[in-house]
Every structure is written in structure tokens, then in C-alpha cells.
Amino acid sequence: MATSVKFLNKPIAEVKPTAVVPDFEQLPKTADTIKCPACGLIQPAAIVETRPEPTFLHTCAKCGQVIDKDLWHSVL
């Protein structure tokens, strides 16, 4: 006796996605200027407006350090 996989009491083939995940490159961005904590290079970076919180992620152009929210230091 074969059993089919079910989700919400429907066969999995009948379940349709309920949300559309946008392309990360298409999301709105806010420009910022940051200082790399490793080499001190001041450089432009982008804050991507994701939900529930914005995404702070940048790779330093000089040393390759990955700068995330914890290491993000905006400069004027």
C-alpha cells in the first residue's frame, strides 16, 4: 500500500506556494559610508531593506573582511 506525502492534508503536488521571494538584487537599498574594522578603509556600502530587519552585509574592497551588522560602523 503506497502512501503519499501530505502537507496541510493535501498531497504535496497540490500545494501551491503562498509567498513570492523577491530577487535580492531587486530589493530597495540605502546608501551608507562605513569604515572597515580590519584595515580602516572608508568605503561606500549598501543597506538592503529586507524584512523584518534591514540586512547589513558588505565585503571590504581592500582586505576582503566580511562586515556584518555587528561590525558595521557608519562614518560621516
C-alpha atoms as a PDB file:
ATOM      1  CA  MET A   1       0.000   0.000   0.000  1.00  0.00           C
ATOM      2  CA  ALA A   2       1.602   3.227  -1.145  1.00  0.00           C
ATOM      3  CA  THR A   3       1.185   6.397   0.898  1.00  0.00           C
ATOM      4  CA  SER A   4       1.596   9.867  -0.484  1.00  0.00           C
ATOM      5  CA  VAL A   5       3.350  12.706   1.299  1.00  0.00           C
ATOM      6  CA  LYS A   6       0.881  15.285   2.554  1.00  0.00           C
ATOM      7  CA  PHE A   7       1.088  18.877   3.714  1.00  0.00           C
ATOM      8  CA  LEU A   8      -1.936  20.503   5.359  1.00  0.00           C
ATOM      9  CA  ASN A   9      -3.923  17.354   4.486  1.00  0.00           C
ATOM     10  CA  LYS A  10      -3.298  17.796   0.746  1.00  0.00           C
ATOM     11  CA  PRO A  11      -0.998  15.759  -1.472  1.00  0.00           C
ATOM     12  CA  ILE A  12       2.276  17.659  -1.778  1.00  0.00           C
ATOM     13  CA  ALA A  13       1.823  18.073  -5.558  1.00  0.00           C
ATOM     14  CA  GLU A  14      -1.329  20.135  -4.961  1.00  0.00           C
ATOM     15  CA  VAL A  15       0.273  22.615  -2.541  1.00  0.00           C
ATOM     16  CA  LYS A  16       0.962  25.959  -4.191  1.00  0.00           C
ATOM     17  CA  PRO A  17       3.450  28.490  -2.796  1.00  0.00           C
ATOM     18  CA  THR A  18       1.785  31.322  -0.903  1.00  0.00           C
ATOM     19  CA  ALA A  19       4.602  33.868  -0.954  1.00  0.00           C
ATOM     20  CA  VAL A  20       6.889  35.204  -3.634  1.00  0.00           C
ATOM     21  CA  VAL A  21      10.501  35.656  -2.597  1.00  0.00           C
ATOM     22  CA  PRO A  22      11.895  38.712  -4.403  1.00  0.00           C
ATOM     23  CA  ASP A  23      15.280  38.679  -6.053  1.00  0.00           C
ATOM     24  CA  PHE A  24      17.782  40.069  -3.510  1.00  0.00           C
ATOM     25  CA  GLU A  25      19.194  42.439  -6.147  1.00  0.00           C
ATOM     26  CA  GLN A  26      15.721  43.932  -6.741  1.00  0.00           C
ATOM     27  CA  LEU A  27      15.158  44.983  -3.104  1.00  0.00           C
ATOM     28  CA  PRO A  28      15.491  48.671  -2.180  1.00  0.00           C
ATOM     29  CA  LYS A  29      18.826  49.790  -0.750  1.00  0.00           C
ATOM     30  CA  THR A  30      20.026  52.670   1.406  1.00  0.00           C
ATOM     31  CA  ALA A  31      23.494  54.104   0.782  1.00  0.00           C
ATOM     32  CA  ASP A  32      25.901  54.320   3.712  1.00  0.00           C
ATOM     33  CA  THR A  33      29.592  55.022   4.260  1.00  0.00           C
ATOM     34  CA  ILE A  34      31.389  52.615   6.578  1.00  0.00           C
ATOM     35  CA  LYS A  35      34.856  52.031   7.989  1.00  0.00           C
ATOM     36  CA  CYS A  36      36.350  48.545   7.788  1.00  0.00           C
ATOM     37  CA  PRO A  37      37.204  47.321  11.296  1.00  0.00           C
ATOM     38  CA  ALA A  38      40.174  45.309   9.980  1.00  0.00           C
ATOM     39  CA  CYS A  39      42.053  47.735   7.699  1.00  0.00           C
ATOM     40  CA  GLY A  40      40.342  51.085   8.334  1.00  0.00           C
ATOM     41  CA  LEU A  41      39.314  51.708   4.719  1.00  0.00           C
ATOM     42  CA  ILE A  42      36.390  54.132   4.457  1.00  0.00           C
ATOM     43  CA  GLN A  43      34.103  52.960   1.661  1.00  0.00           C
ATOM     44  CA  PRO A  44      30.527  53.127   0.372  1.00  0.00           C
ATOM     45  CA  ALA A  45      28.186  50.285   1.317  1.00  0.00           C
ATOM     46  CA  ALA A  46      24.520  49.464   0.889  1.00  0.00           C
ATOM     47  CA  ILE A  47      21.939  48.512   3.497  1.00  0.00           C
ATOM     48  CA  VAL A  48      19.373  46.209   1.873  1.00  0.00           C
ATOM     49  CA  GLU A  49      15.802  46.842   3.026  1.00  0.00           C
ATOM     50  CA  THR A  50      14.719  43.315   3.970  1.00  0.00           C
ATOM     51  CA  ARG A  51      12.038  42.312   6.461  1.00  0.00           C
ATOM     52  CA  PRO A  52      11.729  42.075   9.387  1.00  0.00           C
ATOM     53  CA  GLU A  53      15.072  43.919   9.686  1.00  0.00           C
ATOM     54  CA  PRO A  54      17.450  45.524   7.154  1.00  0.00           C
ATOM     55  CA  THR A  55      20.443  43.448   6.028  1.00  0.00           C
ATOM     56  CA  PHE A  56      23.896  44.859   6.825  1.00  0.00           C
ATOM     57  CA  LEU A  57      26.402  42.829   4.796  1.00  0.00           C
ATOM     58  CA  HIS A  58      29.428  44.107   2.882  1.00  0.00           C
ATOM     59  CA  THR A  59      32.846  42.800   1.801  1.00  0.00           C
ATOM     60  CA  CYS A  60      35.763  45.235   2.201  1.00  0.00           C
ATOM     61  CA  ALA A  61      37.240  46.254  -1.150  1.00  0.00           C
ATOM     62  CA  LYS A  62      40.787  46.355   0.277  1.00  0.00           C
ATOM     63  CA  CYS A  63      41.211  43.417   2.660  1.00  0.00           C
ATOM     64  CA  GLY A  64      38.169  41.215   1.943  1.00  0.00           C
ATOM     65  CA  GLN A  65      36.829  41.388   5.504  1.00  0.00           C
ATOM     66  CA  VAL A  66      33.127  40.471   5.611  1.00  0.00           C
ATOM     67  CA  ILE A  67      31.366  43.233   7.535  1.00  0.00           C
ATOM     68  CA  ASP A  68      28.032  42.299   9.055  1.00  0.00           C
ATOM     69  CA  LYS A  69      25.662  44.109  11.405  1.00  0.00           C
ATOM     70  CA  ASP A  70      27.913  43.593  14.451  1.00  0.00           C
ATOM     71  CA  LEU A  71      30.974  45.093  12.720  1.00  0.00           C
ATOM     72  CA  TRP A  72      29.111  47.849  10.805  1.00  0.00           C
ATOM     73  CA  HIS A  73      30.449  51.318  11.742  1.00  0.00           C
ATOM     74  CA  SER A  74      28.929  54.219   9.808  1.00  0.00           C
ATOM     75  CA  VAL A  75      31.092  57.298   9.308  1.00  0.00           C
ATOM     76  CA  LEU A  76      30.133  60.817   8.282  1.00  0.00           C
END
